[in-house]
N, C-alpha and C. Protein backbone atom coordinates (compact mmCIF):
# COMPACT_ATOMS: atom_id res chain seq x y z
N MET A 1 92.06 102.45 87.81
CA MET A 1 92.62 102.80 89.08
C MET A 1 93.91 103.59 88.83
N LYS A 2 94.11 104.65 89.62
CA LYS A 2 95.29 105.48 89.49
C LYS A 2 96.16 105.36 90.72
N ARG A 3 97.40 105.72 90.57
CA ARG A 3 98.34 105.71 91.68
C ARG A 3 98.68 107.15 92.04
N PHE A 4 98.61 107.48 93.32
CA PHE A 4 98.93 108.81 93.81
C PHE A 4 100.01 108.71 94.88
N VAL A 5 100.87 109.69 94.91
CA VAL A 5 101.86 109.82 95.98
C VAL A 5 101.48 111.09 96.73
N ILE A 6 101.34 110.96 98.05
CA ILE A 6 100.90 112.10 98.86
C ILE A 6 101.91 112.39 99.95
N PRO A 7 101.93 113.63 100.43
CA PRO A 7 102.80 113.94 101.57
C PRO A 7 102.35 113.19 102.82
N ILE A 8 103.27 112.77 103.61
CA ILE A 8 102.96 112.02 104.82
C ILE A 8 102.13 112.86 105.80
N SER A 9 102.23 114.17 105.72
CA SER A 9 101.48 115.05 106.62
C SER A 9 99.97 114.91 106.43
N TYR A 10 99.53 114.44 105.27
CA TYR A 10 98.10 114.26 105.02
C TYR A 10 97.51 113.16 105.90
N LEU A 11 98.33 112.23 106.32
CA LEU A 11 97.84 111.06 107.04
C LEU A 11 97.20 111.40 108.38
N ILE A 12 97.51 112.54 108.96
CA ILE A 12 96.93 112.89 110.27
C ILE A 12 95.68 113.76 110.14
N HIS A 13 95.34 114.19 108.95
CA HIS A 13 94.17 115.06 108.75
C HIS A 13 92.90 114.21 108.86
N PRO A 14 91.87 114.73 109.57
CA PRO A 14 90.63 113.96 109.76
C PRO A 14 89.98 113.45 108.46
N SER A 15 90.00 114.25 107.40
CA SER A 15 89.40 113.81 106.13
C SER A 15 90.14 112.59 105.58
N PHE A 16 91.44 112.61 105.70
CA PHE A 16 92.22 111.50 105.20
C PHE A 16 92.10 110.30 106.12
N GLN A 17 91.98 110.54 107.41
CA GLN A 17 91.77 109.46 108.37
C GLN A 17 90.48 108.70 108.05
N ASP A 18 89.44 109.43 107.63
CA ASP A 18 88.19 108.78 107.23
C ASP A 18 88.41 107.83 106.05
N LEU A 19 89.18 108.30 105.07
CA LEU A 19 89.48 107.45 103.91
C LEU A 19 90.27 106.21 104.33
N LEU A 20 91.21 106.39 105.24
CA LEU A 20 92.00 105.25 105.72
C LEU A 20 91.14 104.25 106.47
N SER A 21 90.18 104.74 107.24
CA SER A 21 89.27 103.85 107.96
C SER A 21 88.41 103.05 106.99
N GLN A 22 87.92 103.72 105.94
CA GLN A 22 87.13 103.03 104.92
C GLN A 22 87.98 101.96 104.23
N SER A 23 89.22 102.30 103.95
CA SER A 23 90.12 101.36 103.30
C SER A 23 90.36 100.14 104.18
N GLU A 24 90.57 100.37 105.47
CA GLU A 24 90.79 99.26 106.40
C GLU A 24 89.58 98.34 106.46
N GLU A 25 88.39 98.94 106.51
CA GLU A 25 87.17 98.13 106.58
C GLU A 25 86.97 97.29 105.32
N GLU A 26 87.25 97.91 104.17
CA GLU A 26 86.98 97.22 102.91
C GLU A 26 88.09 96.26 102.48
N PHE A 27 89.34 96.66 102.70
CA PHE A 27 90.46 95.88 102.15
C PHE A 27 91.40 95.31 103.21
N ARG A 28 91.26 95.71 104.45
CA ARG A 28 92.12 95.23 105.55
C ARG A 28 93.60 95.51 105.30
N TYR A 29 93.91 96.54 104.54
CA TYR A 29 95.31 96.92 104.25
C TYR A 29 96.10 95.77 103.64
N ASP A 30 95.42 94.82 103.05
CA ASP A 30 96.10 93.67 102.46
C ASP A 30 96.34 93.93 100.98
N HIS A 31 97.55 94.36 100.66
CA HIS A 31 97.88 94.67 99.27
C HIS A 31 99.26 94.11 98.97
N PRO A 32 99.35 93.17 98.04
CA PRO A 32 100.62 92.48 97.79
C PRO A 32 101.75 93.39 97.28
N MET A 33 101.43 94.51 96.68
CA MET A 33 102.46 95.38 96.12
C MET A 33 102.91 96.47 97.10
N GLY A 34 102.38 96.47 98.30
CA GLY A 34 102.79 97.46 99.29
C GLY A 34 102.03 98.77 99.20
N GLY A 35 101.11 98.88 98.28
CA GLY A 35 100.31 100.08 98.14
C GLY A 35 99.10 100.03 99.04
N LEU A 36 98.29 101.03 98.96
CA LEU A 36 97.07 101.11 99.75
C LEU A 36 95.94 101.49 98.81
N THR A 37 94.88 100.72 98.80
CA THR A 37 93.73 101.00 97.96
C THR A 37 92.72 101.79 98.77
N ILE A 38 92.36 102.97 98.27
CA ILE A 38 91.38 103.84 98.92
C ILE A 38 90.06 103.67 98.17
N PRO A 39 88.98 103.30 98.88
CA PRO A 39 87.71 103.03 98.21
C PRO A 39 86.88 104.29 97.94
N CYS A 40 87.37 105.12 97.01
CA CYS A 40 86.60 106.30 96.59
C CYS A 40 86.99 106.60 95.16
N SER A 41 86.22 107.46 94.54
CA SER A 41 86.52 107.81 93.15
C SER A 41 87.75 108.72 93.09
N ASP A 42 88.36 108.78 91.91
CA ASP A 42 89.52 109.65 91.72
C ASP A 42 89.16 111.10 92.02
N ASP A 43 87.96 111.51 91.61
CA ASP A 43 87.52 112.90 91.84
C ASP A 43 87.45 113.23 93.32
N VAL A 44 86.87 112.34 94.11
CA VAL A 44 86.77 112.57 95.55
C VAL A 44 88.16 112.66 96.15
N PHE A 45 89.03 111.73 95.79
CA PHE A 45 90.40 111.74 96.32
C PHE A 45 91.13 113.01 95.94
N GLN A 46 91.00 113.43 94.70
CA GLN A 46 91.67 114.65 94.25
C GLN A 46 91.10 115.89 94.94
N ASN A 47 89.81 115.91 95.20
CA ASN A 47 89.21 117.04 95.92
C ASN A 47 89.76 117.12 97.34
N ILE A 48 89.86 115.98 98.00
CA ILE A 48 90.38 115.96 99.38
C ILE A 48 91.85 116.40 99.40
N THR A 49 92.67 115.84 98.52
CA THR A 49 94.09 116.20 98.52
C THR A 49 94.29 117.64 98.08
N SER A 50 93.45 118.13 97.18
CA SER A 50 93.54 119.54 96.78
C SER A 50 93.24 120.46 97.97
N HIS A 51 92.21 120.08 98.74
CA HIS A 51 91.86 120.86 99.94
C HIS A 51 93.01 120.84 100.94
N LEU A 52 93.62 119.67 101.14
CA LEU A 52 94.73 119.56 102.08
C LEU A 52 95.95 120.34 101.59
N ASN A 53 96.12 120.42 100.30
CA ASN A 53 97.23 121.20 99.73
C ASN A 53 97.08 122.69 100.02
N SER A 54 95.85 123.15 100.11
CA SER A 54 95.62 124.58 100.31
C SER A 54 95.70 125.00 101.79
N LEU A 55 95.86 124.03 102.69
CA LEU A 55 95.95 124.37 104.12
C LEU A 55 97.33 124.86 104.49
């Protein structure tokens, strides 16, 4: 598992909203260290954030 830091502006993008919804369903945002676990592969996450970076 890797840790990523993303711009807050990504949080309103529909692609990222989908990832957040999946995370809520799977993990209920319950993380003792204050982080958020996104249930997708590193490659998928990097592709989405790369696309958002180019907007």
